[in-house]
């Protein structure tokens, strides 16, 4: 079985862009950390759970 070596125009462009601007990768990691790797405030989570109002059994009644 032969491996397909096709590289799309976008992949060529993006690979060349990242080679020319390696700082973009670090900037992307920082952006990822803002949304996904943030510190969890356990007290705020506990407060949100205890302050929640229970949803009625049939919501659209």
PDB file of N, CA and C in Angstrom:
ATOM      1  N   UNK A   1       0.843  -1.175   0.000  1.00  0.00           N
ATOM      2  CA  UNK A   1       0.000   0.000   0.000  1.00  0.00           C
ATOM      3  C   UNK A   1       0.893   1.246   0.000  1.00  0.00           C
ATOM      4  N   UNK A   2       0.650   2.142  -0.935  1.00  0.00           N
ATOM      5  CA  UNK A   2       1.470   3.336  -1.069  1.00  0.00           C
ATOM      6  C   UNK A   2       0.883   4.480  -0.240  1.00  0.00           C
ATOM      7  N   UNK A   3       1.744   5.210   0.435  1.00  0.00           N
ATOM      8  CA  UNK A   3       1.311   6.340   1.253  1.00  0.00           C
ATOM      9  C   UNK A   3       1.115   7.550   0.349  1.00  0.00           C
ATOM     10  N   UNK A   4      -0.019   8.207   0.519  1.00  0.00           N
ATOM     11  CA  UNK A   4      -0.319   9.395  -0.269  1.00  0.00           C
ATOM     12  C   UNK A   4       0.480  10.574   0.280  1.00  0.00           C
ATOM     13  N   UNK A   5       1.275  11.224  -0.558  1.00  0.00           N
ATOM     14  CA  UNK A   5       2.104  12.334  -0.116  1.00  0.00           C
ATOM     15  C   UNK A   5       1.515  13.674  -0.518  1.00  0.00           C
ATOM     16  N   UNK A   6       0.227  13.713  -0.799  1.00  0.00           N
ATOM     17  CA  UNK A   6      -0.425  14.955  -1.204  1.00  0.00           C
ATOM     18  C   UNK A   6      -0.460  15.945  -0.043  1.00  0.00           C
ATOM     19  N   UNK A   7      -0.100  17.179  -0.313  1.00  0.00           N
ATOM     20  CA  UNK A   7      -0.174  18.254   0.672  1.00  0.00           C
ATOM     21  C   UNK A   7      -0.999  19.365   0.047  1.00  0.00           C
ATOM     22  N   UNK A   8      -2.074  19.731   0.721  1.00  0.00           N
ATOM     23  CA  UNK A   8      -2.964  20.751   0.168  1.00  0.00           C
ATOM     24  C   UNK A   8      -2.297  22.120   0.166  1.00  0.00           C
ATOM     25  N   UNK A   9      -2.883  23.024  -0.595  1.00  0.00           N
ATOM     26  CA  UNK A   9      -2.363  24.385  -0.674  1.00  0.00           C
ATOM     27  C   UNK A   9      -2.409  25.055   0.703  1.00  0.00           C
ATOM     28  N   UNK A  10      -3.478  24.796   1.452  1.00  0.00           N
ATOM     29  CA  UNK A  10      -3.599  25.379   2.790  1.00  0.00           C
ATOM     30  C   UNK A  10      -2.512  24.849   3.714  1.00  0.00           C
ATOM     31  N   UNK A  11      -2.267  23.537   3.671  1.00  0.00           N
ATOM     32  CA  UNK A  11      -1.220  22.957   4.521  1.00  0.00           C
ATOM     33  C   UNK A  11       0.150  23.534   4.186  1.00  0.00           C
ATOM     34  N   UNK A  12       0.420  23.743   2.905  1.00  0.00           N
ATOM     35  CA  UNK A  12       1.688  24.367   2.504  1.00  0.00           C
ATOM     36  C   UNK A  12       1.779  25.783   3.051  1.00  0.00           C
ATOM     37  N   UNK A  13       0.698  26.551   2.862  1.00  0.00           N
ATOM     38  CA  UNK A  13       0.674  27.930   3.340  1.00  0.00           C
ATOM     39  C   UNK A  13       0.862  27.990   4.848  1.00  0.00           C
ATOM     40  N   UNK A  14       0.113  27.160   5.573  1.00  0.00           N
ATOM     41  CA  UNK A  14       0.151  27.212   7.032  1.00  0.00           C
ATOM     42  C   UNK A  14       1.502  26.741   7.567  1.00  0.00           C
ATOM     43  N   UNK A  15       2.058  25.698   6.970  1.00  0.00           N
ATOM     44  CA  UNK A  15       3.373  25.225   7.379  1.00  0.00           C
ATOM     45  C   UNK A  15       4.440  26.285   7.160  1.00  0.00           C
ATOM     46  N   UNK A  16       4.382  26.956   6.009  1.00  0.00           N
ATOM     47  CA  UNK A  16       5.342  28.016   5.712  1.00  0.00           C
ATOM     48  C   UNK A  16       5.153  29.192   6.667  1.00  0.00           C
ATOM     49  N   UNK A  17       3.901  29.524   6.964  1.00  0.00           N
ATOM     50  CA  UNK A  17       3.605  30.626   7.883  1.00  0.00           C
ATOM     51  C   UNK A  17       4.183  30.346   9.271  1.00  0.00           C
ATOM     52  N   UNK A  18       3.989  29.131   9.769  1.00  0.00           N
ATOM     53  CA  UNK A  18       4.519  28.782  11.093  1.00  0.00           C
ATOM     54  C   UNK A  18       6.043  28.711  11.097  1.00  0.00           C
ATOM     55  N   UNK A  19       6.635  28.311   9.968  1.00  0.00           N
ATOM     56  CA  UNK A  19       8.099  28.310   9.884  1.00  0.00           C
ATOM     57  C   UNK A  19       8.649  29.732   9.935  1.00  0.00           C
ATOM     58  N   UNK A  20       7.944  30.664   9.289  1.00  0.00           N
ATOM     59  CA  UNK A  20       8.398  32.054   9.256  1.00  0.00           C
ATOM     60  C   UNK A  20       8.083  32.797  10.554  1.00  0.00           C
ATOM     61  N   UNK A  21       7.040  32.370  11.255  1.00  0.00           N
ATOM     62  CA  UNK A  21       6.601  33.054  12.479  1.00  0.00           C
ATOM     63  C   UNK A  21       6.395  32.045  13.613  1.00  0.00           C
ATOM     64  N   UNK A  22       7.471  31.513  14.194  1.00  0.00           N
ATOM     65  CA  UNK A  22       7.320  30.516  15.266  1.00  0.00           C
ATOM     66  C   UNK A  22       6.681  31.089  16.532  1.00  0.00           C
ATOM     67  N   UNK A  23       6.686  32.409  16.685  1.00  0.00           N
ATOM     68  CA  UNK A  23       6.057  33.011  17.865  1.00  0.00           C
ATOM     69  C   UNK A  23       4.542  32.804  17.866  1.00  0.00           C
ATOM     70  N   UNK A  24       3.968  32.516  16.716  1.00  0.00           N
ATOM     71  CA  UNK A  24       2.523  32.281  16.644  1.00  0.00           C
ATOM     72  C   UNK A  24       2.119  31.050  17.450  1.00  0.00           C
ATOM     73  N   UNK A  25       2.976  30.050  17.491  1.00  0.00           N
ATOM     74  CA  UNK A  25       2.671  28.824  18.229  1.00  0.00           C
ATOM     75  C   UNK A  25       2.604  29.121  19.722  1.00  0.00           C
ATOM     76  N   UNK A  26       3.559  29.902  20.222  1.00  0.00           N
ATOM     77  CA  UNK A  26       3.554  30.262  21.642  1.00  0.00           C
ATOM     78  C   UNK A  26       2.349  31.136  21.967  1.00  0.00           C
ATOM     79  N   UNK A  27       2.020  32.049  21.071  1.00  0.00           N
ATOM     80  CA  UNK A  27       0.855  32.910  21.270  1.00  0.00           C
ATOM     81  C   UNK A  27      -0.425  32.072  21.315  1.00  0.00           C
ATOM     82  N   UNK A  28      -0.488  31.046  20.483  1.00  0.00           N
ATOM     83  CA  UNK A  28      -1.644  30.151  20.475  1.00  0.00           C
ATOM     84  C   UNK A  28      -1.739  29.393  21.797  1.00  0.00           C
ATOM     85  N   UNK A  29      -0.604  28.953  22.329  1.00  0.00           N
ATOM     86  CA  UNK A  29      -0.604  28.253  23.619  1.00  0.00           C
ATOM     87  C   UNK A  29      -1.094  29.162  24.738  1.00  0.00           C
ATOM     88  N   UNK A  30      -0.665  30.423  24.709  1.00  0.00           N
ATOM     89  CA  UNK A  30      -1.120  31.370  25.730  1.00  0.00           C
ATOM     90  C   UNK A  30      -2.629  31.568  25.645  1.00  0.00           C
ATOM     91  N   UNK A  31      -3.150  31.665  24.431  1.00  0.00           N
ATOM     92  CA  UNK A  31      -4.596  31.792  24.253  1.00  0.00           C
ATOM     93  C   UNK A  31      -5.333  30.561  24.758  1.00  0.00           C
ATOM     94  N   UNK A  32      -4.769  29.397  24.512  1.00  0.00           N
ATOM     95  CA  UNK A  32      -5.371  28.158  24.999  1.00  0.00           C
ATOM     96  C   UNK A  32      -5.425  28.157  26.524  1.00  0.00           C
ATOM     97  N   UNK A  33      -4.344  28.594  27.157  1.00  0.00           N
ATOM     98  CA  UNK A  33      -4.288  28.615  28.618  1.00  0.00           C
ATOM     99  C   UNK A  33      -5.318  29.556  29.218  1.00  0.00           C
ATOM    100  N   UNK A  34      -5.616  30.645  28.527  1.00  0.00           N
ATOM    101  CA  UNK A  34      -6.613  31.587  29.042  1.00  0.00           C
ATOM    102  C   UNK A  34      -7.957  30.894  29.209  1.00  0.00           C
ATOM    103  N   UNK A  35      -8.348  30.083  28.221  1.00  0.00           N
ATOM    104  CA  UNK A  35      -9.692  29.502  28.244  1.00  0.00           C
ATOM    105  C   UNK A  35      -9.760  28.141  28.917  1.00  0.00           C
ATOM    106  N   UNK A  36      -8.704  27.337  28.828  1.00  0.00           N
ATOM    107  CA  UNK A  36      -8.820  25.950  29.262  1.00  0.00           C
ATOM    108  C   UNK A  36      -8.009  25.593  30.491  1.00  0.00           C
ATOM    109  N   UNK A  37      -6.909  26.252  30.732  1.00  0.00           N
ATOM    110  CA  UNK A  37      -6.045  25.874  31.846  1.00  0.00           C
ATOM    111  C   UNK A  37      -6.074  26.909  32.961  1.00  0.00           C
ATOM    112  N   UNK A  38      -7.248  27.429  33.248  1.00  0.00           N
ATOM    113  CA  UNK A  38      -7.340  28.450  34.288  1.00  0.00           C
ATOM    114  C   UNK A  38      -7.509  27.804  35.657  1.00  0.00           C
ATOM    115  N   UNK A  39      -7.224  28.571  36.679  1.00  0.00           N
ATOM    116  CA  UNK A  39      -7.367  28.070  38.047  1.00  0.00           C
ATOM    117  C   UNK A  39      -8.852  27.973  38.406  1.00  0.00           C
ATOM    118  N   UNK A  40      -9.196  26.937  39.142  1.00  0.00           N
ATOM    119  CA  UNK A  40     -10.575  26.711  39.548  1.00  0.00           C
ATOM    120  C   UNK A  40     -10.767  27.253  40.958  1.00  0.00           C
ATOM    121  N   UNK A  41     -11.772  28.109  41.121  1.00  0.00           N
ATOM    122  CA  UNK A  41     -12.095  28.652  42.436  1.00  0.00           C
ATOM    123  C   UNK A  41     -13.101  27.701  43.089  1.00  0.00           C
ATOM    124  N   UNK A  42     -12.625  26.861  43.994  1.00  0.00           N
ATOM    125  CA  UNK A  42     -13.473  25.839  44.604  1.00  0.00           C
ATOM    126  C   UNK A  42     -14.582  26.459  45.442  1.00  0.00           C
ATOM    127  N   UNK A  43     -14.308  27.569  46.095  1.00  0.00           N
ATOM    128  CA  UNK A  43     -15.335  28.227  46.906  1.00  0.00           C
ATOM    129  C   UNK A  43     -16.463  28.759  46.019  1.00  0.00           C
ATOM    130  N   UNK A  44     -16.129  29.327  44.870  1.00  0.00           N
ATOM    131  CA  UNK A  44     -17.151  29.824  43.948  1.00  0.00           C
ATOM    132  C   UNK A  44     -17.984  28.667  43.396  1.00  0.00           C
ATOM    133  N   UNK A  45     -17.352  27.536  43.096  1.00  0.00           N
ATOM    134  CA  UNK A  45     -18.095  26.367  42.620  1.00  0.00           C
ATOM    135  C   UNK A  45     -19.039  25.847  43.697  1.00  0.00           C
ATOM    136  N   UNK A  46     -18.567  25.784  44.944  1.00  0.00           N
ATOM    137  CA  UNK A  46     -19.413  25.315  46.036  1.00  0.00           C
ATOM    138  C   UNK A  46     -20.601  26.252  46.220  1.00  0.00           C
ATOM    139  N   UNK A  47     -20.354  27.547  46.161  1.00  0.00           N
ATOM    140  CA  UNK A  47     -21.415  28.530  46.311  1.00  0.00           C
ATOM    141  C   UNK A  47     -22.441  28.407  45.184  1.00  0.00           C
ATOM    142  N   UNK A  48     -21.981  28.187  43.961  1.00  0.00           N
ATOM    143  CA  UNK A  48     -22.891  28.035  42.828  1.00  0.00           C
ATOM    144  C   UNK A  48     -23.766  26.795  42.990  1.00  0.00           C
ATOM    145  N   UNK A  49     -23.193  25.707  43.504  1.00  0.00           N
ATOM    146  CA  UNK A  49     -23.984  24.485  43.704  1.00  0.00           C
ATOM    147  C   UNK A  49     -25.026  24.669  44.796  1.00  0.00           C
ATOM    148  N   UNK A  50     -24.654  25.338  45.876  1.00  0.00           N
ATOM    149  CA  UNK A  50     -25.590  25.480  46.998  1.00  0.00           C
ATOM    150  C   UNK A  50     -26.633  26.559  46.744  1.00  0.00           C
ATOM    151  N   UNK A  51     -26.341  27.537  45.892  1.00  0.00           N
ATOM    152  CA  UNK A  51     -27.295  28.608  45.603  1.00  0.00           C
ATOM    153  C   UNK A  51     -28.223  28.283  44.442  1.00  0.00           C
ATOM    154  N   UNK A  52     -28.031  27.158  43.790  1.00  0.00           N
ATOM    155  CA  UNK A  52     -28.828  26.816  42.616  1.00  0.00           C
ATOM    156  C   UNK A  52     -30.269  26.507  43.007  1.00  0.00           C
ATOM    157  N   UNK A  53     -31.194  26.935  42.150  1.00  0.00           N
ATOM    158  CA  UNK A  53     -32.614  26.652  42.353  1.00  0.00           C
ATOM    159  C   UNK A  53     -32.940  25.397  41.557  1.00  0.00           C
ATOM    160  N   UNK A  54     -33.571  24.394  42.167  1.00  0.00           N
ATOM    161  CA  UNK A  54     -33.872  23.166  41.431  1.00  0.00           C
ATOM    162  C   UNK A  54     -34.872  23.424  40.300  1.00  0.00           C
ATOM    163  N   UNK A  55     -34.656  22.757  39.183  1.00  0.00           N
ATOM    164  CA  UNK A  55     -35.546  22.866  38.035  1.00  0.00           C
ATOM    165  C   UNK A  55     -36.778  22.012  38.281  1.00  0.00           C
ATOM    166  N   UNK A  56     -37.988  22.541  37.980  1.00  0.00           N
ATOM    167  CA  UNK A  56     -39.194  21.733  38.163  1.00  0.00           C
ATOM    168  C   UNK A  56     -39.172  20.493  37.256  1.00  0.00           C
ATOM    169  N   UNK A  57     -39.960  19.501  37.628  1.00  0.00           N
ATOM    170  CA  UNK A  57     -39.975  18.242  36.877  1.00  0.00           C
ATOM    171  C   UNK A  57     -40.382  18.465  35.425  1.00  0.00           C
ATOM    172  N   UNK A  58     -41.422  19.255  35.182  1.00  0.00           N
ATOM    173  CA  UNK A  58     -41.828  19.554  33.810  1.00  0.00           C
ATOM    174  C   UNK A  58     -41.609  21.039  33.596  1.00  0.00           C
ATOM    175  N   UNK A  59     -40.566  21.369  32.905  1.00  0.00           N
ATOM    176  CA  UNK A  59     -40.093  22.746  32.809  1.00  0.00           C
ATOM    177  C   UNK A  59     -41.070  23.664  32.072  1.00  0.00           C
ATOM    178  N   UNK A  60     -41.799  23.156  31.069  1.00  0.00           N
ATOM    179  CA  UNK A  60     -42.655  24.000  30.225  1.00  0.00           C
ATOM    180  C   UNK A  60     -44.106  23.978  30.684  1.00  0.00           C
ATOM    181  N   UNK A  61     -44.342  23.839  31.928  1.00  0.00           N
ATOM    182  CA  UNK A  61     -45.707  23.758  32.449  1.00  0.00           C
ATOM    183  C   UNK A  61     -46.269  25.114  32.692  1.00  0.00           C
TER     184      UNK A  61
END
